[in-house]
C-alpha atoms as a PDB file:
ATOM      1  CA  MET A   1     -53.317  23.038  96.555  1.00  0.00           C
ATOM      2  CA  TYR A   2     -51.820  26.021  94.771  1.00  0.00           C
ATOM      3  CA  LEU A   3     -49.486  24.674  92.104  1.00  0.00           C
ATOM      4  CA  VAL A   4     -47.398  26.639  89.609  1.00  0.00           C
ATOM      5  CA  ILE A   5     -46.320  24.799  86.451  1.00  0.00           C
ATOM      6  CA  PRO A   6     -43.416  26.682  84.874  1.00  0.00           C
ATOM      7  CA  THR A   7     -43.274  26.721  81.063  1.00  0.00           C
ATOM      8  CA  LEU A   8     -46.358  24.616  80.523  1.00  0.00           C
ATOM      9  CA  LEU A   9     -46.269  26.066  76.994  1.00  0.00           C
ATOM     10  CA  ASN A  10     -43.027  25.688  75.075  1.00  0.00           C
ATOM     11  CA  ASP A  11     -41.615  28.396  72.780  1.00  0.00           C
ATOM     12  CA  ALA A  12     -43.330  27.049  69.663  1.00  0.00           C
ATOM     13  CA  GLU A  13     -46.714  26.848  71.395  1.00  0.00           C
ATOM     14  CA  GLN A  14     -46.304  30.369  72.785  1.00  0.00           C
ATOM     15  CA  LEU A  15     -45.535  31.714  69.307  1.00  0.00           C
ATOM     16  CA  GLN A  16     -48.455  29.871  67.729  1.00  0.00           C
ATOM     17  CA  ILE A  17     -50.869  31.328  70.287  1.00  0.00           C
ATOM     18  CA  LYS A  18     -49.386  34.826  69.941  1.00  0.00           C
ATOM     19  CA  GLU A  19     -49.943  34.771  66.170  1.00  0.00           C
ATOM     20  CA  LEU A  20     -53.550  33.674  66.655  1.00  0.00           C
ATOM     21  CA  LEU A  21     -54.185  36.391  69.253  1.00  0.00           C
ATOM     22  CA  ASN A  22     -52.804  39.071  66.950  1.00  0.00           C
ATOM     23  CA  THR A  23     -55.637  38.477  64.468  1.00  0.00           C
ATOM     24  CA  ALA A  24     -58.443  37.602  66.914  1.00  0.00           C
ATOM     25  CA  THR A  25     -61.550  39.683  67.639  1.00  0.00           C
ATOM     26  CA  PHE A  26     -62.544  40.120  71.279  1.00  0.00           C
ATOM     27  CA  THR A  27     -65.957  40.892  72.790  1.00  0.00           C
ATOM     28  CA  SER A  28     -67.176  41.830  76.267  1.00  0.00           C
ATOM     29  CA  GLY A  29     -66.351  39.297  78.988  1.00  0.00           C
ATOM     30  CA  LYS A  30     -69.743  39.915  80.582  1.00  0.00           C
ATOM     31  CA  ILE A  31     -71.283  37.598  77.982  1.00  0.00           C
ATOM     32  CA  THR A  32     -70.119  34.556  79.979  1.00  0.00           C
ATOM     33  CA  ALA A  33     -70.647  36.083  83.439  1.00  0.00           C
ATOM     34  CA  THR A  34     -73.554  34.979  85.633  1.00  0.00           C
ATOM     35  CA  GLY A  35     -75.053  36.134  88.927  1.00  0.00           C
ATOM     36  CA  ALA A  36     -72.924  38.441  91.048  1.00  0.00           C
ATOM     37  CA  ALA A  37     -70.013  38.140  88.600  1.00  0.00           C
ATOM     38  CA  LEU A  38     -71.871  40.411  86.176  1.00  0.00           C
ATOM     39  CA  LYS A  39     -71.224  43.355  88.499  1.00  0.00           C
ATOM     40  CA  VAL A  40     -67.491  42.767  88.995  1.00  0.00           C
ATOM     41  CA  LYS A  41     -66.290  41.357  85.663  1.00  0.00           C
ATOM     42  CA  ASN A  42     -64.691  43.894  83.350  1.00  0.00           C
ATOM     43  CA  ASN A  43     -62.563  42.315  80.638  1.00  0.00           C
ATOM     44  CA  GLU A  44     -62.714  41.082  77.049  1.00  0.00           C
ATOM     45  CA  GLN A  45     -62.911  37.516  75.748  1.00  0.00           C
ATOM     46  CA  LEU A  46     -62.795  35.558  72.538  1.00  0.00           C
ATOM     47  CA  ASP A  47     -66.073  34.042  71.442  1.00  0.00           C
ATOM     48  CA  ARG A  48     -66.160  30.355  72.416  1.00  0.00           C
ATOM     49  CA  GLU A  49     -67.140  29.312  68.894  1.00  0.00           C
ATOM     50  CA  ALA A  50     -64.604  31.459  67.036  1.00  0.00           C
ATOM     51  CA  TYR A  51     -61.902  29.782  64.947  1.00  0.00           C
ATOM     52  CA  HIS A  52     -59.146  31.474  66.961  1.00  0.00           C
ATOM     53  CA  THR A  53     -60.603  30.192  70.240  1.00  0.00           C
ATOM     54  CA  LYS A  54     -60.784  26.622  69.012  1.00  0.00           C
ATOM     55  CA  ALA A  55     -57.276  26.761  67.544  1.00  0.00           C
ATOM     56  CA  ILE A  56     -55.812  28.129  70.788  1.00  0.00           C
ATOM     57  CA  ASN A  57     -57.704  25.490  72.777  1.00  0.00           C
ATOM     58  CA  GLN A  58     -56.137  22.730  70.689  1.00  0.00           C
ATOM     59  CA  VAL A  59     -52.673  24.015  71.605  1.00  0.00           C
ATOM     60  CA  LEU A  60     -53.544  24.363  75.299  1.00  0.00           C
ATOM     61  CA  GLU A  61     -55.222  20.968  75.595  1.00  0.00           C
ATOM     62  CA  LYS A  62     -52.246  19.244  73.980  1.00  0.00           C
ATOM     63  CA  ALA A  63     -49.909  20.976  76.435  1.00  0.00           C
ATOM     64  CA  LEU A  64     -52.006  19.818  79.387  1.00  0.00           C
ATOM     65  CA  MET A  65     -52.241  16.233  78.232  1.00  0.00           C
ATOM     66  CA  THR A  66     -48.468  15.980  77.751  1.00  0.00           C
ATOM     67  CA  SER A  67     -47.691  17.456  81.186  1.00  0.00           C
ATOM     68  CA  PRO A  68     -47.110  14.772  83.846  1.00  0.00           C
ATOM     69  CA  ILE A  69     -47.299  17.402  86.592  1.00  0.00           C
ATOM     70  CA  PHE A  70     -50.725  18.556  85.418  1.00  0.00           C
ATOM     71  CA  LYS A  71     -52.118  15.034  85.168  1.00  0.00           C
ATOM     72  CA  GLU A  72     -50.736  13.820  88.491  1.00  0.00           C
ATOM     73  CA  SER A  73     -51.723  16.940  90.432  1.00  0.00           C
ATOM     74  CA  THR A  74     -55.286  17.222  89.122  1.00  0.00           C
ATOM     75  CA  GLN A  75     -56.283  13.640  88.187  1.00  0.00           C
ATOM     76  CA  PRO A  76     -58.555  15.174  85.521  1.00  0.00           C
ATOM     77  CA  LYS A  77     -61.881  13.620  84.629  1.00  0.00           C
ATOM     78  CA  SER A  78     -63.197  16.529  82.547  1.00  0.00           C
ATOM     79  CA  ILE A  79     -61.754  19.865  81.430  1.00  0.00           C
ATOM     80  CA  LEU A  80     -63.886  22.679  80.060  1.00  0.00           C
ATOM     81  CA  PRO A  81     -62.736  24.568  76.951  1.00  0.00           C
ATOM     82  CA  PHE A  82     -60.546  27.526  77.839  1.00  0.00           C
ATOM     83  CA  LEU A  83     -61.827  31.077  77.900  1.00  0.00           C
ATOM     84  CA  ILE A  84     -59.290  33.464  76.359  1.00  0.00           C
ATOM     85  CA  SER A  85     -59.356  36.801  78.203  1.00  0.00           C
ATOM     86  CA  ARG A  86     -57.786  40.217  77.646  1.00  0.00           C
ATOM     87  CA  TYR A  87     -57.450  43.088  80.116  1.00  0.00           C
ATOM     88  CA  TYR A  88     -56.661  46.689  79.141  1.00  0.00           C
ATOM     89  CA  PRO A  89     -55.839  49.459  81.644  1.00  0.00           C
ATOM     90  CA  ASN A  90     -58.618  50.010  84.203  1.00  0.00           C
ATOM     91  CA  MET A  91     -60.037  46.528  83.551  1.00  0.00           C
ATOM     92  CA  GLU A  92     -60.315  44.013  86.371  1.00  0.00           C
ATOM     93  CA  TYR A  93     -62.346  41.085  87.685  1.00  0.00           C
ATOM     94  CA  GLY A  94     -63.447  41.843  91.231  1.00  0.00           C
ATOM     95  CA  TRP A  95     -63.769  39.409  94.123  1.00  0.00           C
ATOM     96  CA  HIS A  96     -65.927  36.436  93.192  1.00  0.00           C
ATOM     97  CA  VAL A  97     -66.276  32.675  93.526  1.00  0.00           C
ATOM     98  CA  ASP A  98     -66.714  30.545  90.417  1.00  0.00           C
ATOM     99  CA  SER A  99     -69.824  28.464  89.909  1.00  0.00           C
ATOM    100  CA  PRO A 100     -69.680  24.977  91.477  1.00  0.00           C
ATOM    101  CA  LEU A 101     -71.285  23.490  88.353  1.00  0.00           C
ATOM    102  CA  MET A 102     -70.531  24.615  84.803  1.00  0.00           C
ATOM    103  CA  ALA A 103     -71.777  23.535  81.420  1.00  0.00           C
ATOM    104  CA  VAL A 104     -70.760  23.990  77.806  1.00  0.00           C
ATOM    105  CA  ASP A 105     -73.126  22.740  75.083  1.00  0.00           C
ATOM    106  CA  GLN A 106     -75.302  21.018  77.716  1.00  0.00           C
ATOM    107  CA  TYR A 107     -72.287  19.140  79.122  1.00  0.00           C
ATOM    108  CA  MET A 108     -72.241  19.713  82.886  1.00  0.00           C
ATOM    109  CA  ILE A 109     -69.285  19.166  85.213  1.00  0.00           C
ATOM    110  CA  ARG A 110     -68.606  19.647  88.917  1.00  0.00           C
ATOM    111  CA  VAL A 111     -65.871  22.240  89.211  1.00  0.00           C
ATOM    112  CA  ASP A 112     -63.054  21.230  91.566  1.00  0.00           C
ATOM    113  CA  LEU A 113     -60.042  23.142  90.253  1.00  0.00           C
ATOM    114  CA  SER A 114     -59.339  26.280  88.245  1.00  0.00           C
ATOM    115  CA  ILE A 115     -56.357  26.885  85.980  1.00  0.00           C
ATOM    116  CA  THR A 116     -54.951  30.137  84.613  1.00  0.00           C
ATOM    117  CA  ILE A 117     -52.343  30.041  81.842  1.00  0.00           C
ATOM    118  CA  PHE A 118     -50.492  33.290  81.217  1.00  0.00           C
ATOM    119  CA  LEU A 119     -50.280  34.127  77.506  1.00  0.00           C
ATOM    120  CA  ASN A 120     -48.010  37.159  77.577  1.00  0.00           C
ATOM    121  CA  ALA A 121     -44.994  38.279  79.580  1.00  0.00           C
ATOM    122  CA  ALA A 122     -45.466  39.772  83.044  1.00  0.00           C
ATOM    123  CA  SER A 123     -43.286  42.681  81.940  1.00  0.00           C
ATOM    124  CA  GLU A 124     -45.871  43.697  79.343  1.00  0.00           C
ATOM    125  CA  TYR A 125     -48.360  45.053  81.883  1.00  0.00           C
ATOM    126  CA  GLU A 126     -48.640  46.582  85.328  1.00  0.00           C
ATOM    127  CA  GLY A 127     -51.116  45.288  87.905  1.00  0.00           C
ATOM    128  CA  GLY A 128     -53.401  42.459  86.833  1.00  0.00           C
ATOM    129  CA  GLU A 129     -52.281  40.022  89.525  1.00  0.00           C
ATOM    130  CA  LEU A 130     -54.440  36.973  90.239  1.00  0.00           C
ATOM    131  CA  GLU A 131     -55.178  37.205  93.958  1.00  0.00           C
ATOM    132  CA  ILE A 132     -56.693  34.321  95.935  1.00  0.00           C
ATOM    133  CA  GLU A 133     -58.083  34.414  99.461  1.00  0.00           C
ATOM    134  CA  THR A 134     -56.818  31.399 101.422  1.00  0.00           C
ATOM    135  CA  PRO A 135     -57.077  30.318 105.084  1.00  0.00           C
ATOM    136  CA  SER A 136     -53.446  31.419 105.520  1.00  0.00           C
ATOM    137  CA  GLY A 137     -53.882  34.807 103.848  1.00  0.00           C
ATOM    138  CA  LEU A 138     -53.829  36.247 100.336  1.00  0.00           C
ATOM    139  CA  LYS A 139     -51.813  34.522  97.617  1.00  0.00           C
ATOM    140  CA  THR A 140     -50.853  36.553  94.549  1.00  0.00           C
ATOM    141  CA  PHE A 141     -49.765  35.213  91.153  1.00  0.00           C
ATOM    142  CA  LYS A 142     -48.317  37.117  88.200  1.00  0.00           C
ATOM    143  CA  LEU A 143     -46.391  34.611  86.129  1.00  0.00           C
ATOM    144  CA  ASN A 144     -44.470  34.720  82.899  1.00  0.00           C
ATOM    145  CA  VAL A 145     -45.699  33.739  79.464  1.00  0.00           C
ATOM    146  CA  GLY A 146     -46.383  30.004  79.207  1.00  0.00           C
ATOM    147  CA  ASP A 147     -46.601  29.474  82.963  1.00  0.00           C
ATOM    148  CA  ALA A 148     -49.743  28.133  84.645  1.00  0.00           C
ATOM    149  CA  VAL A 149     -51.230  28.155  88.122  1.00  0.00           C
ATOM    150  CA  ILE A 150     -53.790  25.656  89.436  1.00  0.00           C
ATOM    151  CA  TYR A 151     -55.912  26.468  92.485  1.00  0.00           C
ATOM    152  CA  PRO A 152     -59.088  25.259  94.249  1.00  0.00           C
ATOM    153  CA  THR A 153     -62.227  26.714  92.698  1.00  0.00           C
ATOM    154  CA  THR A 154     -63.709  26.921  96.188  1.00  0.00           C
ATOM    155  CA  GLN A 155     -61.682  30.050  97.038  1.00  0.00           C
ATOM    156  CA  LEU A 156     -62.661  33.687  96.595  1.00  0.00           C
ATOM    157  CA  HIS A 157     -60.356  35.308  94.054  1.00  0.00           C
ATOM    158  CA  ARG A 158     -59.974  38.328  91.812  1.00  0.00           C
ATOM    159  CA  VAL A 159     -57.873  39.873  89.055  1.00  0.00           C
ATOM    160  CA  LYS A 160     -56.503  43.169  90.308  1.00  0.00           C
ATOM    161  CA  PRO A 161     -56.892  46.225  88.045  1.00  0.00           C
ATOM    162  CA  VAL A 162     -54.471  46.498  85.146  1.00  0.00           C
ATOM    163  CA  THR A 163     -52.863  49.939  85.295  1.00  0.00           C
ATOM    164  CA  ASP A 164     -50.716  49.798  82.155  1.00  0.00           C
ATOM    165  CA  GLY A 165     -50.234  47.485  79.174  1.00  0.00           C
ATOM    166  CA  VAL A 166     -52.345  44.449  78.266  1.00  0.00           C
ATOM    167  CA  ARG A 167     -52.856  41.213  80.208  1.00  0.00           C
ATOM    168  CA  MET A 168     -53.647  38.032  78.226  1.00  0.00           C
ATOM    169  CA  VAL A 169     -54.650  34.758  79.888  1.00  0.00           C
ATOM    170  CA  ALA A 170     -56.504  31.505  79.288  1.00  0.00           C
ATOM    171  CA  VAL A 171     -58.698  30.142  82.072  1.00  0.00           C
ATOM    172  CA  SER A 172     -60.489  26.837  82.496  1.00  0.00           C
ATOM    173  CA  TRP A 173     -62.063  24.563  85.087  1.00  0.00           C
ATOM    174  CA  ILE A 174     -61.472  20.923  85.923  1.00  0.00           C
ATOM    175  CA  GLN A 175     -63.484  18.117  87.433  1.00  0.00           C
ATOM    176  CA  SER A 176     -61.101  15.718  89.114  1.00  0.00           C
ATOM    177  CA  MET A 177     -61.538  11.978  89.509  1.00  0.00           C
ATOM    178  CA  ILE A 178     -60.582  12.675  93.148  1.00  0.00           C
ATOM    179  CA  LYS A 179     -63.234  14.963  94.650  1.00  0.00           C
ATOM    180  CA  SER A 180     -61.432  15.538  97.951  1.00  0.00           C
ATOM    181  CA  THR A 181     -58.702  18.176  97.890  1.00  0.00           C
ATOM    182  CA  GLU A 182     -56.891  16.467 100.773  1.00  0.00           C
ATOM    183  CA  GLN A 183     -56.913  13.074  99.049  1.00  0.00           C
ATOM    184  CA  ARG A 184     -55.790  14.607  95.756  1.00  0.00           C
ATOM    185  CA  ASP A 185     -52.895  16.405  97.440  1.00  0.00           C
ATOM    186  CA  LEU A 186     -51.894  13.241  99.302  1.00  0.00           C
ATOM    187  CA  LEU A 187     -51.763  11.259  96.057  1.00  0.00           C
ATOM    188  CA  PHE A 188     -49.654  13.957  94.401  1.00  0.00           C
ATOM    189  CA  GLN A 189     -47.195  13.947  97.300  1.00  0.00           C
ATOM    190  CA  LEU A 190     -47.003  10.166  97.243  1.00  0.00           C
ATOM    191  CA  LYS A 191     -46.465  10.158  93.470  1.00  0.00           C
ATOM    192  CA  SER A 192     -43.599  12.634  93.915  1.00  0.00           C
ATOM    193  CA  LEU A 193     -42.045  10.320  96.505  1.00  0.00           C
ATOM    194  CA  GLN A 194     -42.523   7.363  94.186  1.00  0.00           C
ATOM    195  CA  GLU A 195     -40.697   9.176  91.366  1.00  0.00           C
ATOM    196  CA  LEU A 196     -37.815  10.004  93.712  1.00  0.00           C
ATOM    197  CA  LEU A 197     -37.522   6.365  94.770  1.00  0.00           C
ATOM    198  CA  ASN A 198     -37.672   5.364  91.118  1.00  0.00           C
ATOM    199  CA  GLN A 199     -34.584   7.484  90.488  1.00  0.00           C
ATOM    200  CA  GLN A 200     -32.661   6.444  93.589  1.00  0.00           C
ATOM    201  CA  GLN A 201     -33.865   2.948  94.510  1.00  0.00           C
ATOM    202  CA  GLN A 202     -35.560   1.510  91.451  1.00  0.00           C
ATOM    203  CA  GLY A 203     -36.818  -2.010  92.081  1.00  0.00           C
ATOM    204  CA  SER A 204     -36.138  -1.890  95.806  1.00  0.00           C
ATOM    205  CA  SER A 205     -38.705  -3.148  98.296  1.00  0.00           C
ATOM    206  CA  LEU A 206     -39.386   0.450  99.368  1.00  0.00           C
ATOM    207  CA  HIS A 207     -39.942   1.524  95.765  1.00  0.00           C
ATOM    208  CA  LEU A 208     -42.311  -1.379  95.146  1.00  0.00           C
ATOM    209  CA  LEU A 209     -44.182  -0.646  98.373  1.00  0.00           C
ATOM    210  CA  SER A 210     -44.663   2.988  97.355  1.00  0.00           C
ATOM    211  CA  GLN A 211     -46.145   1.809  94.046  1.00  0.00           C
ATOM    212  CA  GLN A 212     -48.503  -0.537  95.853  1.00  0.00           C
ATOM    213  CA  VAL A 213     -49.674   2.085  98.340  1.00  0.00           C
ATOM    214  CA  TYR A 214     -50.183   4.676  95.598  1.00  0.00           C
ATOM    215  CA  SER A 215     -52.171   2.267  93.431  1.00  0.00           C
ATOM    216  CA  ASN A 216     -54.395   1.146  96.293  1.00  0.00           C
ATOM    217  CA  LEU A 217     -55.103   4.703  97.449  1.00  0.00           C
ATOM    218  CA  LEU A 218     -55.872   5.796  93.891  1.00  0.00           C
ATOM    219  CA  ARG A 219     -58.296   2.893  93.576  1.00  0.00           C
ATOM    220  CA  MET A 220     -59.897   3.797  96.921  1.00  0.00           C
ATOM    221  CA  PHE A 221     -60.266   7.534  96.235  1.00  0.00           C
ATOM    222  CA  THR A 222     -61.248   7.532  92.560  1.00  0.00           C
ATOM    223  CA  ASP A 223     -64.805   8.498  91.640  1.00  0.00           C
ATOM    224  CA  LEU A 224     -65.494   7.651  87.977  1.00  0.00           C
END
């Protein structure tokens, strides 16, 4: 699943984050890199424990938890705190695969999905595309401020070199209650169908059947 959520952050949330970023202090992104990523990661990040990081995370977490699309598409069990990253010209994050298990403050999760939220306008920088290697070829994402993209953590991916301007993003990782990508995608498709029937045939036998099937599959697939 590669899902774009347009305007995950509303105008007020975008402004609040922008004001926090304007007064934040960044350090080397290599601090949080491990293994092979140390050789290919070249960016800057906010310290996880900094006030600005925690304040931005509060805004982002609220946006996620009020987004039906996010909740239905990911079925989140756990979400790690966001890393806030900045890329200047000639900075990049080369091809890599994220760790299958991640921990913050001794809290370990299995990583099923990754999310990138774009914190400044695409017109403010050149290059810096998120590029993901998929079975059907390369997928490239360069979205506008407030937009988000969710993708399987299992895929090789990179951030292409920024050639001009500054790229600002927030990235995090999700453990889903539904471990299987195929099952998770099926539930999301069925939920979308259920919502359509709710609009067009509310209370009909077909609508009620879709609710029953969705509920039973969710019960069958869920790993708590």
